[in-house]
Amino acid sequence: MPQQCPWTLPSYLSTFALTILLTATVSLADDATAAPELTPEQQLEQLVGTWTRKHINVDGKPTTITWTVRAGEKAGQFEHTFQMTTPDKSNESLWEAKFIAEVTTRDLLTLEFVENRRILPKEEAHDWRPFDFSVIAQIKGNRLFATWDLEQETHIWTKKTATGENVAPEKIDVLEPLLKTYQGDFENPGSDAYGADKAVYKVQCSGKRSATGSVITHNWTMQQAGTSADQAFEVRAVYSYNAKTGRVVKQYQTSSGVMIRGELVAANNGKLLWERSGEGPAGKIHEFCQFDFSEPGVFRHTIISRTLNGVPVDEDEPVIVLKAAE
């Protein structure tokens, strides 16, 4: 790689390669839903704009990185400005470069850099010179993923827009079945991990999307016959999309004092597999749980495995079968 490459000079500049360049392969693999297909021209148009990222530099200072892309004179040609700044303006760096972009396959882009020049710091400035560098990139909503080396950590750029930086709602479309109201009853063998009694419970659950569509809140309530509402077992959950990991995630708390975080590790044919962990009064919990919506109007909830304080729990977990309310 040429010596003037900004990604291989000082460590703070090498961040650009790890930042503007994020793994498209990971993004593709983790997409549970596909956005409407764009033409190659539309995909290239998405590059234009201002992309930002924040990180901590090697000196421990918060750094704002801004990458502004402009269309060039011909189709597929682009120019960009790359700037790194800290609050005290130390270690400020400013580059300009030109590159050619094209759509290679599906929604992957290749960026072939042609030349660049350095403006700041002045003592390291140089005029336009050849710049031989290649990037694979992918844009999902207002996030840019790219990489020049698949061994590097995935970093994410966010596009500055007039409407903010919300995650695209379709990222959690796989959870659409949770928005229905389901009801049913089951015989609970009791759970030390969750502090639930051995009894027959009536269950009702339902979900609701936020105004942006990017967050789902979900309520799960279990109540024994002959008991009042203040004696129910309640679960309140929030579902969203983690743009850093590319995974659908959840967090929930129970009325018995259990706090859990989880992520969707597999989804296929209406079945969702969650890996969840957290803690409660009885200790640390780790479990795999399946939501099965493969049969229309039916929600099957199954704990596949669970450990409590690192010890496998030998509980005869039932399959909870709930049906959509009329």
C-alpha atoms as a PDB file:
ATOM      1  CA  MET A   1       0.000   0.000   0.000  1.00  0.00           C
ATOM      2  CA  PRO A   2       1.398   3.466  -0.823  1.00  0.00           C
ATOM      3  CA  GLN A   3       3.102   5.385   1.934  1.00  0.00           C
ATOM      4  CA  GLN A   4       0.700   8.301   1.630  1.00  0.00           C
ATOM      5  CA  CYS A   5      -2.278   6.114   2.518  1.00  0.00           C
ATOM      6  CA  PRO A   6      -3.997   7.812   5.498  1.00  0.00           C
ATOM      7  CA  TRP A   7      -5.030   4.455   6.938  1.00  0.00           C
ATOM      8  CA  THR A   8      -1.468   3.279   7.403  1.00  0.00           C
ATOM      9  CA  LEU A   9       0.189   6.386   8.800  1.00  0.00           C
ATOM     10  CA  PRO A  10      -0.546   7.536  12.381  1.00  0.00           C
ATOM     11  CA  SER A  11      -2.764   5.357  14.531  1.00  0.00           C
ATOM     12  CA  TYR A  12      -5.485   7.967  14.660  1.00  0.00           C
ATOM     13  CA  LEU A  13      -5.712   7.849  10.860  1.00  0.00           C
ATOM     14  CA  SER A  14      -5.736   4.080  10.744  1.00  0.00           C
ATOM     15  CA  THR A  15      -9.092   4.400  12.497  1.00  0.00           C
ATOM     16  CA  PHE A  16     -10.552   5.520   9.170  1.00  0.00           C
ATOM     17  CA  ALA A  17      -9.945   2.130   7.668  1.00  0.00           C
ATOM     18  CA  LEU A  18     -11.610   0.509  10.650  1.00  0.00           C
ATOM     19  CA  THR A  19     -14.412   3.036  10.647  1.00  0.00           C
ATOM     20  CA  ILE A  20     -15.586   3.936   7.180  1.00  0.00           C
ATOM     21  CA  LEU A  21     -14.891   0.383   6.231  1.00  0.00           C
ATOM     22  CA  LEU A  22     -17.234  -2.049   7.819  1.00  0.00           C
ATOM     23  CA  THR A  23     -17.950  -5.643   7.134  1.00  0.00           C
ATOM     24  CA  ALA A  24     -20.627  -5.966   4.527  1.00  0.00           C
ATOM     25  CA  THR A  25     -20.566  -9.718   4.883  1.00  0.00           C
ATOM     26  CA  VAL A  26     -21.680  -9.545   8.530  1.00  0.00           C
ATOM     27  CA  SER A  27     -24.436  -7.080   7.705  1.00  0.00           C
ATOM     28  CA  LEU A  28     -25.833  -9.334   5.005  1.00  0.00           C
ATOM     29  CA  ALA A  29     -25.744 -12.419   7.189  1.00  0.00           C
ATOM     30  CA  ASP A  30     -27.513 -10.727  10.093  1.00  0.00           C
ATOM     31  CA  ASP A  31     -30.364  -9.123   8.148  1.00  0.00           C
ATOM     32  CA  ALA A  32     -33.582 -10.852   9.168  1.00  0.00           C
ATOM     33  CA  THR A  33     -35.582  -8.887   6.592  1.00  0.00           C
ATOM     34  CA  ALA A  34     -34.653  -7.424   3.236  1.00  0.00           C
ATOM     35  CA  ALA A  35     -35.365  -3.818   2.318  1.00  0.00           C
ATOM     36  CA  PRO A  36     -36.890  -3.119  -1.115  1.00  0.00           C
ATOM     37  CA  GLU A  37     -34.307  -3.601  -3.848  1.00  0.00           C
ATOM     38  CA  LEU A  38     -32.741  -0.453  -5.260  1.00  0.00           C
ATOM     39  CA  THR A  39     -31.355   0.056  -8.731  1.00  0.00           C
ATOM     40  CA  PRO A  40     -27.544   0.321  -8.986  1.00  0.00           C
ATOM     41  CA  GLU A  41     -27.918   4.054  -9.574  1.00  0.00           C
ATOM     42  CA  GLN A  42     -30.027   4.465  -6.422  1.00  0.00           C
ATOM     43  CA  GLN A  43     -27.540   2.483  -4.375  1.00  0.00           C
ATOM     44  CA  LEU A  44     -24.680   4.722  -5.486  1.00  0.00           C
ATOM     45  CA  GLU A  45     -26.743   7.834  -4.761  1.00  0.00           C
ATOM     46  CA  GLN A  46     -27.002   6.722  -1.132  1.00  0.00           C
ATOM     47  CA  LEU A  47     -23.275   7.354  -0.708  1.00  0.00           C
ATOM     48  CA  VAL A  48     -23.740  11.099  -1.062  1.00  0.00           C
ATOM     49  CA  GLY A  49     -24.057  12.928   2.243  1.00  0.00           C
ATOM     50  CA  THR A  50     -22.330  13.356   5.580  1.00  0.00           C
ATOM     51  CA  TRP A  51     -21.454  10.302   7.667  1.00  0.00           C
ATOM     52  CA  THR A  52     -20.189  10.485  11.236  1.00  0.00           C
ATOM     53  CA  ARG A  53     -18.686   8.316  13.920  1.00  0.00           C
ATOM     54  CA  LYS A  54     -17.302   8.972  17.399  1.00  0.00           C
ATOM     55  CA  HIS A  55     -14.551   7.053  19.157  1.00  0.00           C
ATOM     56  CA  ILE A  56     -11.778   7.408  21.716  1.00  0.00           C
ATOM     57  CA  ASN A  57      -8.325   7.969  20.220  1.00  0.00           C
ATOM     58  CA  VAL A  58      -5.036   6.508  21.437  1.00  0.00           C
ATOM     59  CA  ASP A  59      -4.581   9.461  23.823  1.00  0.00           C
ATOM     60  CA  GLY A  60      -7.930   8.791  25.448  1.00  0.00           C
ATOM     61  CA  LYS A  61      -9.631  11.813  23.874  1.00  0.00           C
ATOM     62  CA  PRO A  62     -13.136  11.671  22.372  1.00  0.00           C
ATOM     63  CA  THR A  63     -12.849  12.130  18.627  1.00  0.00           C
ATOM     64  CA  THR A  64     -15.491  13.012  16.047  1.00  0.00           C
ATOM     65  CA  ILE A  65     -14.895  11.620  12.579  1.00  0.00           C
ATOM     66  CA  THR A  66     -16.804  13.175   9.683  1.00  0.00           C
ATOM     67  CA  TRP A  67     -16.829  11.722   6.170  1.00  0.00           C
ATOM     68  CA  THR A  68     -18.573  13.902   3.589  1.00  0.00           C
ATOM     69  CA  VAL A  69     -19.187  12.377   0.164  1.00  0.00           C
ATOM     70  CA  ARG A  70     -20.046  14.404  -2.958  1.00  0.00           C
ATOM     71  CA  ALA A  71     -20.954  13.241  -6.458  1.00  0.00           C
ATOM     72  CA  GLY A  72     -18.210  13.704  -9.057  1.00  0.00           C
ATOM     73  CA  GLU A  73     -18.401  14.932 -12.643  1.00  0.00           C
ATOM     74  CA  LYS A  74     -19.431  11.563 -14.091  1.00  0.00           C
ATOM     75  CA  ALA A  75     -21.662   8.707 -12.962  1.00  0.00           C
ATOM     76  CA  GLY A  76     -19.888   6.524 -10.431  1.00  0.00           C
ATOM     77  CA  GLN A  77     -17.271   9.173  -9.609  1.00  0.00           C
ATOM     78  CA  PHE A  78     -17.176  10.654  -6.124  1.00  0.00           C
ATOM     79  CA  GLU A  79     -15.120  13.029  -4.012  1.00  0.00           C
ATOM     80  CA  HIS A  80     -14.902  13.047  -0.260  1.00  0.00           C
ATOM     81  CA  THR A  81     -13.637  15.024   2.700  1.00  0.00           C
ATOM     82  CA  PHE A  82     -12.459  13.136   5.761  1.00  0.00           C
ATOM     83  CA  GLN A  83     -11.988  15.043   9.018  1.00  0.00           C
ATOM     84  CA  MET A  84     -11.065  14.003  12.552  1.00  0.00           C
ATOM     85  CA  THR A  85     -11.412  16.493  15.410  1.00  0.00           C
ATOM     86  CA  THR A  86     -11.128  16.470  19.199  1.00  0.00           C
ATOM     87  CA  PRO A  87     -12.794  18.997  21.539  1.00  0.00           C
ATOM     88  CA  ASP A  88      -9.492  20.867  22.045  1.00  0.00           C
ATOM     89  CA  LYS A  89      -8.708  20.734  18.289  1.00  0.00           C
ATOM     90  CA  SER A  90      -5.544  18.712  18.920  1.00  0.00           C
ATOM     91  CA  ASN A  91      -4.612  15.964  16.459  1.00  0.00           C
ATOM     92  CA  GLU A  92      -6.958  17.497  13.885  1.00  0.00           C
ATOM     93  CA  SER A  93      -6.688  15.802  10.515  1.00  0.00           C
ATOM     94  CA  LEU A  94      -8.232  16.731   7.165  1.00  0.00           C
ATOM     95  CA  TRP A  95      -8.037  14.801   3.898  1.00  0.00           C
ATOM     96  CA  GLU A  96      -9.656  14.987   0.487  1.00  0.00           C
ATOM     97  CA  ALA A  97      -9.851  12.091  -1.948  1.00  0.00           C
ATOM     98  CA  LYS A  98     -11.461  10.896  -5.164  1.00  0.00           C
ATOM     99  CA  PHE A  99     -12.852   7.437  -5.802  1.00  0.00           C
ATOM    100  CA  ILE A 100     -14.894   5.421  -8.267  1.00  0.00           C
ATOM    101  CA  ALA A 101     -17.798   3.337  -6.932  1.00  0.00           C
ATOM    102  CA  GLU A 102     -19.795   0.568  -8.545  1.00  0.00           C
ATOM    103  CA  VAL A 103     -22.330  -2.037  -7.499  1.00  0.00           C
ATOM    104  CA  THR A 104     -20.746  -5.481  -7.594  1.00  0.00           C
ATOM    105  CA  THR A 105     -23.404  -7.927  -6.434  1.00  0.00           C
ATOM    106  CA  ARG A 106     -26.753  -7.526  -4.723  1.00  0.00           C
ATOM    107  CA  ASP A 107     -26.240  -4.389  -2.605  1.00  0.00           C
ATOM    108  CA  LEU A 108     -22.475  -4.502  -2.171  1.00  0.00           C
ATOM    109  CA  LEU A 109     -20.394  -1.603  -3.441  1.00  0.00           C
ATOM    110  CA  THR A 110     -16.717  -1.390  -4.318  1.00  0.00           C
ATOM    111  CA  LEU A 111     -14.878   1.888  -3.803  1.00  0.00           C
ATOM    112  CA  GLU A 112     -11.669   2.232  -5.796  1.00  0.00           C
ATOM    113  CA  PHE A 113      -9.681   5.243  -4.627  1.00  0.00           C
ATOM    114  CA  VAL A 114      -7.750   7.134  -7.284  1.00  0.00           C
ATOM    115  CA  GLU A 115      -5.957  10.047  -5.600  1.00  0.00           C
ATOM    116  CA  ASN A 116      -5.886  12.035  -2.390  1.00  0.00           C
ATOM    117  CA  ARG A 117      -4.355  15.052  -0.733  1.00  0.00           C
ATOM    118  CA  ARG A 118      -3.739  15.994   2.886  1.00  0.00           C
ATOM    119  CA  ILE A 119      -4.640  19.431   4.211  1.00  0.00           C
ATOM    120  CA  LEU A 120      -4.151  19.130   7.992  1.00  0.00           C
ATOM    121  CA  PRO A 121      -1.996  19.071   9.974  1.00  0.00           C
ATOM    122  CA  LYS A 122      -0.059  21.572   7.895  1.00  0.00           C
ATOM    123  CA  GLU A 123       3.313  19.998   8.646  1.00  0.00           C
ATOM    124  CA  GLU A 124       2.145  16.777   6.992  1.00  0.00           C
ATOM    125  CA  ALA A 125       0.151  18.333   4.147  1.00  0.00           C
ATOM    126  CA  HIS A 126       0.735  17.247   0.558  1.00  0.00           C
ATOM    127  CA  ASP A 127      -0.859  17.951  -2.821  1.00  0.00           C
ATOM    128  CA  TRP A 128      -2.845  15.509  -4.949  1.00  0.00           C
ATOM    129  CA  ARG A 129      -1.074  12.228  -5.540  1.00  0.00           C
ATOM    130  CA  PRO A 130      -2.042   8.694  -6.636  1.00  0.00           C
ATOM    131  CA  PHE A 131      -3.869   6.714  -3.983  1.00  0.00           C
ATOM    132  CA  ASP A 132      -4.257   2.971  -4.573  1.00  0.00           C
ATOM    133  CA  PHE A 133      -6.851   1.675  -2.113  1.00  0.00           C
ATOM    134  CA  SER A 134      -9.996  -0.491  -2.352  1.00  0.00           C
ATOM    135  CA  VAL A 135     -13.035  -0.788  -0.118  1.00  0.00           C
ATOM    136  CA  ILE A 136     -16.099  -3.052  -0.009  1.00  0.00           C
ATOM    137  CA  ALA A 137     -19.119  -1.206   1.368  1.00  0.00           C
ATOM    138  CA  GLN A 138     -22.800  -1.699   2.061  1.00  0.00           C
ATOM    139  CA  ILE A 139     -25.490   0.769   3.071  1.00  0.00           C
ATOM    140  CA  LYS A 140     -28.438  -0.287   5.200  1.00  0.00           C
ATOM    141  CA  GLY A 141     -30.820   2.573   5.907  1.00  0.00           C
ATOM    142  CA  ASN A 142     -28.770   5.350   7.493  1.00  0.00           C
ATOM    143  CA  ARG A 143     -25.846   3.054   8.418  1.00  0.00           C
ATOM    144  CA  LEU A 144     -22.747   2.476   6.339  1.00  0.00           C
ATOM    145  CA  PHE A 145     -20.843  -0.793   6.648  1.00  0.00           C
ATOM    146  CA  ALA A 146     -17.497  -1.307   4.888  1.00  0.00           C
ATOM    147  CA  THR A 147     -14.213  -3.130   5.098  1.00  0.00           C
ATOM    148  CA  TRP A 148     -10.778  -3.257   3.595  1.00  0.00           C
ATOM    149  CA  ASP A 149      -9.781  -6.229   5.749  1.00  0.00           C
ATOM    150  CA  LEU A 150     -12.256  -8.846   6.979  1.00  0.00           C
ATOM    151  CA  GLU A 151     -10.091  -9.529  10.041  1.00  0.00           C
ATOM    152  CA  GLN A 152     -10.722  -6.035  11.374  1.00  0.00           C
ATOM    153  CA  GLU A 153     -13.405  -5.124  13.888  1.00  0.00           C
ATOM    154  CA  THR A 154     -16.715  -3.987  12.442  1.00  0.00           C
ATOM    155  CA  HIS A 155     -17.323  -0.249  12.752  1.00  0.00           C
ATOM    156  CA  ILE A 156     -20.372   1.731  11.768  1.00  0.00           C
ATOM    157  CA  TRP A 157     -20.951   5.168  10.252  1.00  0.00           C
ATOM    158  CA  THR A 158     -24.271   6.941  10.703  1.00  0.00           C
ATOM    159  CA  LYS A 159     -25.651   9.314   8.096  1.00  0.00           C
ATOM    160  CA  LYS A 160     -26.676  12.749   9.296  1.00  0.00           C
ATOM    161  CA  THR A 161     -30.256  13.418   8.248  1.00  0.00           C
ATOM    162  CA  ALA A 162     -32.875  16.065   8.934  1.00  0.00           C
ATOM    163  CA  THR A 163     -35.116  13.513  10.631  1.00  0.00           C
ATOM    164  CA  GLY A 164     -32.548  12.076  13.044  1.00  0.00           C
ATOM    165  CA  GLU A 165     -30.809   8.724  13.179  1.00  0.00           C
ATOM    166  CA  ASN A 166     -33.501   6.145  13.903  1.00  0.00           C
ATOM    167  CA  VAL A 167     -32.976   2.498  13.037  1.00  0.00           C
ATOM    168  CA  ALA A 168     -35.015   1.390  10.015  1.00  0.00           C
ATOM    169  CA  PRO A 169     -38.273  -0.197  11.286  1.00  0.00           C
ATOM    170  CA  GLU A 170     -37.908  -3.194   8.963  1.00  0.00           C
ATOM    171  CA  LYS A 171     -34.952  -4.353  11.056  1.00  0.00           C
ATOM    172  CA  ILE A 172     -37.436  -5.770  13.558  1.00  0.00           C
ATOM    173  CA  ASP A 173     -40.181  -6.872  11.157  1.00  0.00           C
ATOM    174  CA  VAL A 174     -39.354 -10.459  12.103  1.00  0.00           C
ATOM    175  CA  LEU A 175     -41.087  -9.694  15.429  1.00  0.00           C
ATOM    176  CA  GLU A 176     -44.376  -8.696  13.797  1.00  0.00           C
ATOM    177  CA  PRO A 177     -46.262 -11.716  15.286  1.00  0.00           C
ATOM    178  CA  LEU A 178     -45.577 -10.373  18.789  1.00  0.00           C
ATOM    179  CA  LEU A 179     -47.883  -7.436  18.111  1.00  0.00           C
ATOM    180  CA  LYS A 180     -50.972  -9.645  18.333  1.00  0.00           C
ATOM    181  CA  THR A 181     -52.788 -10.411  21.580  1.00  0.00           C
ATOM    182  CA  TYR A 182     -52.501 -14.066  22.644  1.00  0.00           C
ATOM    183  CA  GLN A 183     -54.264 -15.941  25.433  1.00  0.00           C
ATOM    184  CA  GLY A 184     -54.149 -19.369  27.012  1.00  0.00           C
ATOM    185  CA  ASP A 185     -53.370 -21.305  30.149  1.00  0.00           C
ATOM    186  CA  PHE A 186     -50.765 -23.858  31.202  1.00  0.00           C
ATOM    187  CA  GLU A 187     -49.604 -25.836  34.195  1.00  0.00           C
ATOM    188  CA  ASN A 188     -46.426 -24.263  35.517  1.00  0.00           C
ATOM    189  CA  PRO A 189     -44.154 -26.774  37.289  1.00  0.00           C
ATOM    190  CA  GLY A 190     -42.630 -23.835  39.189  1.00  0.00           C
ATOM    191  CA  SER A 191     -39.379 -22.005  38.539  1.00  0.00           C
ATOM    192  CA  ASP A 192     -36.663 -21.205  41.065  1.00  0.00           C
ATOM    193  CA  ALA A 193     -34.934 -18.972  38.511  1.00  0.00           C
ATOM    194  CA  TYR A 194     -37.977 -16.747  37.995  1.00  0.00           C
ATOM    195  CA  GLY A 195     -39.632 -17.169  41.381  1.00  0.00           C
ATOM    196  CA  ALA A 196     -42.836 -18.568  39.868  1.00  0.00           C
ATOM    197  CA  ASP A 197     -45.084 -20.901  41.860  1.00  0.00           C
ATOM    198  CA  LYS A 198     -46.217 -24.354  40.798  1.00  0.00           C
ATOM    199  CA  ALA A 199     -49.783 -23.720  39.653  1.00  0.00           C
ATOM    200  CA  VAL A 200     -52.099 -23.385  36.680  1.00  0.00           C
ATOM    201  CA  TYR A 201     -51.736 -19.937  35.147  1.00  0.00           C
ATOM    202  CA  LYS A 202     -53.861 -18.009  32.689  1.00  0.00           C
ATOM    203  CA  VAL A 203     -51.634 -16.063  30.286  1.00  0.00           C
ATOM    204  CA  GLN A 204     -52.224 -12.980  28.186  1.00  0.00           C
ATOM    205  CA  CYS A 205     -49.594 -11.165  26.150  1.00  0.00           C
ATOM    206  CA  SER A 206     -49.516  -8.408  23.541  1.00  0.00           C
ATOM    207  CA  GLY A 207     -47.080  -6.011  21.899  1.00  0.00           C
ATOM    208  CA  LYS A 208     -47.013  -2.516  20.443  1.00  0.00           C
ATOM    209  CA  ARG A 209     -44.656  -0.716  18.075  1.00  0.00           C
ATOM    210  CA  SER A 210     -43.416   2.757  18.915  1.00  0.00           C
ATOM    211  CA  ALA A 211     -44.260   5.726  16.693  1.00  0.00           C
ATOM    212  CA  THR A 212     -41.000   5.284  14.764  1.00  0.00           C
ATOM    213  CA  GLY A 213     -41.598   1.551  14.347  1.00  0.00           C
ATOM    214  CA  SER A 214     -38.068   0.852  15.577  1.00  0.00           C
ATOM    215  CA  VAL A 215     -38.997  -0.327  19.101  1.00  0.00           C
ATOM    216  CA  ILE A 216     -41.555  -2.843  20.335  1.00  0.00           C
ATOM    217  CA  THR A 217     -42.844  -2.982  23.905  1.00  0.00           C
ATOM    218  CA  HIS A 218     -44.365  -6.272  25.009  1.00  0.00           C
ATOM    219  CA  ASN A 219     -46.439  -7.285  28.021  1.00  0.00           C
ATOM    220  CA  TRP A 220     -46.725 -10.845  29.352  1.00  0.00           C
ATOM    221  CA  THR A 221     -49.011 -11.421  32.345  1.00  0.00           C
ATOM    222  CA  MET A 222     -49.695 -14.723  34.145  1.00  0.00           C
ATOM    223  CA  GLN A 223     -52.331 -15.034  36.836  1.00  0.00           C
ATOM    224  CA  GLN A 224     -53.520 -17.947  38.942  1.00  0.00           C
ATOM    225  CA  ALA A 225     -57.247 -18.581  39.202  1.00  0.00           C
ATOM    226  CA  GLY A 226     -58.834 -16.913  42.208  1.00  0.00           C
ATOM    227  CA  THR A 227     -56.072 -14.352  42.683  1.00  0.00           C
ATOM    228  CA  SER A 228     -56.168 -10.578  42.243  1.00  0.00           C
ATOM    229  CA  ALA A 229     -54.264  -8.520  39.649  1.00  0.00           C
ATOM    230  CA  ASP A 230     -51.694  -7.408  42.205  1.00  0.00           C
ATOM    231  CA  GLN A 231     -50.709 -11.076  42.687  1.00  0.00           C
ATOM    232  CA  ALA A 232     -50.004 -11.688  38.985  1.00  0.00           C
ATOM    233  CA  PHE A 233     -46.622 -12.565  37.509  1.00  0.00           C
ATOM    234  CA  GLU A 234     -45.745  -9.786  35.062  1.00  0.00           C
ATOM    235  CA  VAL A 235     -43.060  -9.431  32.392  1.00  0.00           C
ATOM    236  CA  ARG A 236     -42.397  -6.122  30.636  1.00  0.00           C
ATOM    237  CA  ALA A 237     -40.088  -6.307  27.621  1.00  0.00           C
ATOM    238  CA  VAL A 238     -38.538  -3.967  25.057  1.00  0.00           C
ATOM    239  CA  TYR A 239     -37.365  -5.214  21.653  1.00  0.00           C
ATOM    240  CA  SER A 240     -35.126  -3.296  19.249  1.00  0.00           C
ATOM    241  CA  TYR A 241     -32.183  -3.604  16.841  1.00  0.00           C
ATOM    242  CA  ASN A 242     -28.541  -3.326  17.879  1.00  0.00           C
ATOM    243  CA  ALA A 243     -26.872  -1.513  14.978  1.00  0.00           C
ATOM    244  CA  LYS A 244     -23.415  -2.359  16.336  1.00  0.00           C
ATOM    245  CA  THR A 245     -23.878  -6.136  16.315  1.00  0.00           C
ATOM    246  CA  GLY A 246     -26.544  -6.373  13.627  1.00  0.00           C
ATOM    247  CA  ARG A 247     -28.811  -8.374  15.939  1.00  0.00           C
ATOM    248  CA  VAL A 248     -32.385  -8.014  17.143  1.00  0.00           C
ATOM    249  CA  VAL A 249     -32.231  -7.653  20.926  1.00  0.00           C
ATOM    250  CA  LYS A 250     -34.541  -7.626  23.927  1.00  0.00           C
ATOM    251  CA  GLN A 251     -34.521  -6.555  27.556  1.00  0.00           C
ATOM    252  CA  TYR A 252     -37.144  -7.409  30.114  1.00  0.00           C
ATOM    253  CA  GLN A 253     -37.929  -7.283  33.797  1.00  0.00           C
ATOM    254  CA  THR A 254     -40.337  -9.369  35.825  1.00  0.00           C
ATOM    255  CA  SER A 255     -42.474  -8.528  38.810  1.00  0.00           C
ATOM    256  CA  SER A 256     -40.442 -11.131  40.744  1.00  0.00           C
ATOM    257  CA  GLY A 257     -37.232  -9.095  40.366  1.00  0.00           C
ATOM    258  CA  VAL A 258     -35.583 -10.835  37.416  1.00  0.00           C
ATOM    259  CA  MET A 259     -33.729  -8.708  34.834  1.00  0.00           C
ATOM    260  CA  ILE A 260     -32.793 -10.288  31.497  1.00  0.00           C
ATOM    261  CA  ARG A 261     -31.098  -9.297  28.243  1.00  0.00           C
ATOM    262  CA  GLY A 262     -31.202 -11.392  25.115  1.00  0.00           C
ATOM    263  CA  GLU A 263     -30.521 -11.477  21.404  1.00  0.00           C
ATOM    264  CA  LEU A 264     -32.091 -13.256  18.486  1.00  0.00           C
ATOM    265  CA  VAL A 265     -29.573 -15.886  17.372  1.00  0.00           C
ATOM    266  CA  ALA A 266     -31.661 -17.649  14.704  1.00  0.00           C
ATOM    267  CA  ALA A 267     -34.914 -17.103  12.824  1.00  0.00           C
ATOM    268  CA  ASN A 268     -36.518 -19.372  10.237  1.00  0.00           C
ATOM    269  CA  ASN A 269     -40.041 -20.267   9.096  1.00  0.00           C
ATOM    270  CA  GLY A 270     -41.741 -18.372  11.897  1.00  0.00           C
ATOM    271  CA  LYS A 271     -39.481 -19.739  14.642  1.00  0.00           C
ATOM    272  CA  LEU A 272     -37.298 -17.390  16.691  1.00  0.00           C
ATOM    273  CA  LEU A 273     -34.468 -18.659  18.916  1.00  0.00           C
ATOM    274  CA  TRP A 274     -33.333 -16.350  21.716  1.00  0.00           C
ATOM    275  CA  GLU A 275     -30.227 -16.564  23.863  1.00  0.00           C
ATOM    276  CA  ARG A 276     -30.921 -14.779  27.138  1.00  0.00           C
ATOM    277  CA  SER A 277     -29.014 -14.069  30.333  1.00  0.00           C
ATOM    278  CA  GLY A 278     -29.429 -11.996  33.450  1.00  0.00           C
ATOM    279  CA  GLU A 279     -30.011 -12.318  37.151  1.00  0.00           C
ATOM    280  CA  GLY A 280     -32.677 -12.416  39.779  1.00  0.00           C
ATOM    281  CA  PRO A 281     -33.117 -13.163  43.477  1.00  0.00           C
ATOM    282  CA  ALA A 282     -31.976 -16.773  42.933  1.00  0.00           C
ATOM    283  CA  GLY A 283     -28.802 -15.812  41.038  1.00  0.00           C
ATOM    284  CA  LYS A 284     -27.484 -15.733  37.478  1.00  0.00           C
ATOM    285  CA  ILE A 285     -29.663 -17.107  34.675  1.00  0.00           C
ATOM    286  CA  HIS A 286     -28.723 -18.250  31.179  1.00  0.00           C
ATOM    287  CA  GLU A 287     -31.178 -19.854  28.793  1.00  0.00           C
ATOM    288  CA  PHE A 288     -32.254 -20.556  25.239  1.00  0.00           C
ATOM    289  CA  CYS A 289     -35.897 -19.849  24.491  1.00  0.00           C
ATOM    290  CA  GLN A 290     -37.920 -20.455  21.326  1.00  0.00           C
ATOM    291  CA  PHE A 291     -40.886 -18.430  20.098  1.00  0.00           C
ATOM    292  CA  ASP A 292     -42.766 -20.466  17.494  1.00  0.00           C
ATOM    293  CA  PHE A 293     -45.262 -18.637  15.251  1.00  0.00           C
ATOM    294  CA  SER A 294     -45.115 -21.186  12.409  1.00  0.00           C
ATOM    295  CA  GLU A 295     -48.817 -22.019  12.843  1.00  0.00           C
ATOM    296  CA  PRO A 296     -51.024 -19.011  12.005  1.00  0.00           C
ATOM    297  CA  GLY A 297     -52.667 -17.506  15.074  1.00  0.00           C
ATOM    298  CA  VAL A 298     -50.655 -19.647  17.515  1.00  0.00           C
ATOM    299  CA  PHE A 299     -47.734 -18.664  19.769  1.00  0.00           C
ATOM    300  CA  ARG A 300     -45.708 -21.543  21.240  1.00  0.00           C
ATOM    301  CA  HIS A 301     -43.208 -20.569  23.945  1.00  0.00           C
ATOM    302  CA  THR A 302     -40.544 -23.118  24.916  1.00  0.00           C
ATOM    303  CA  ILE A 303     -37.549 -22.946  27.251  1.00  0.00           C
ATOM    304  CA  ILE A 304     -35.064 -25.232  25.495  1.00  0.00           C
ATOM    305  CA  SER A 305     -32.363 -25.122  28.173  1.00  0.00           C
ATOM    306  CA  ARG A 306     -31.555 -23.114  31.286  1.00  0.00           C
ATOM    307  CA  THR A 307     -28.781 -22.794  33.843  1.00  0.00           C
ATOM    308  CA  LEU A 308     -29.024 -21.143  37.245  1.00  0.00           C
ATOM    309  CA  ASN A 309     -25.712 -20.011  38.733  1.00  0.00           C
ATOM    310  CA  GLY A 310     -23.955 -22.122  36.098  1.00  0.00           C
ATOM    311  CA  VAL A 311     -25.788 -25.337  37.003  1.00  0.00           C
ATOM    312  CA  PRO A 312     -28.191 -26.914  34.471  1.00  0.00           C
ATOM    313  CA  VAL A 313     -31.761 -26.655  35.710  1.00  0.00           C
ATOM    314  CA  ASP A 314     -33.640 -29.950  35.671  1.00  0.00           C
ATOM    315  CA  GLU A 315     -37.145 -28.566  35.320  1.00  0.00           C
ATOM    316  CA  ASP A 316     -39.822 -30.143  33.178  1.00  0.00           C
ATOM    317  CA  GLU A 317     -40.507 -27.016  31.147  1.00  0.00           C
ATOM    318  CA  PRO A 318     -43.852 -27.195  29.352  1.00  0.00           C
ATOM    319  CA  VAL A 319     -44.565 -25.817  25.887  1.00  0.00           C
ATOM    320  CA  ILE A 320     -46.858 -22.864  26.513  1.00  0.00           C
ATOM    321  CA  VAL A 321     -49.431 -22.746  23.710  1.00  0.00           C
ATOM    322  CA  LEU A 322     -51.291 -19.468  23.293  1.00  0.00           C
ATOM    323  CA  LYS A 323     -53.849 -18.542  20.660  1.00  0.00           C
ATOM    324  CA  ALA A 324     -54.529 -15.176  19.090  1.00  0.00           C
ATOM    325  CA  ALA A 325     -57.513 -13.432  20.614  1.00  0.00           C
ATOM    326  CA  GLU A 326     -60.611 -13.175  18.413  1.00  0.00           C
END
